Amino acid sequence: MSESYYATGHRKNATAKVWLFPNGSGSITINGRDLPDYVHRRSLELLVLQPLQLTETEGQFDIKAKVLGGGIAGQAGALRHGISKALVELAPDFRPPLRRGGFLTRDPRVKERKKYGRKRARRGFQFSKR
């Protein structure tokens, strides 16, 4: 595994550092654990694998990732973003289909800050008439 391709993916408060190793067996390791053991949800597994399915490269790479921050869903989104960016690093001709699929765009939606005079960002305190 001499040559590898690196990219960083982001989603909400999660950050994924992704290394792609060509000519691999298709194993995906996140924080030292296999993908199914890490995400525990089939829908999130499929979300992470989307860029590989779109570029028809599933099973051709070993993927090693370190994920920090956020929750499981945010981390899965960050992984998808990181894998997409690493694929473009590997082969620039993957860029148009990944761009069309929306995998290269960093999702800007994050939690809104709490405002004063409110319980959360928009929710007010409970009103009691009497």
Foldseek 3Di string as FASTA:
>chain_A
DPDWFWFWFFFAFKIKIKIKAFQDQQFEAEPNHGPCVQLVDPVLVCLLCVLCVQVVNHRGIYMYMYMDDDDSNRRSLRNLLGVNVRVCVVPVVSVPSCVVVVSPDHPPDYADAADPQAPGNPHHDDDDPD
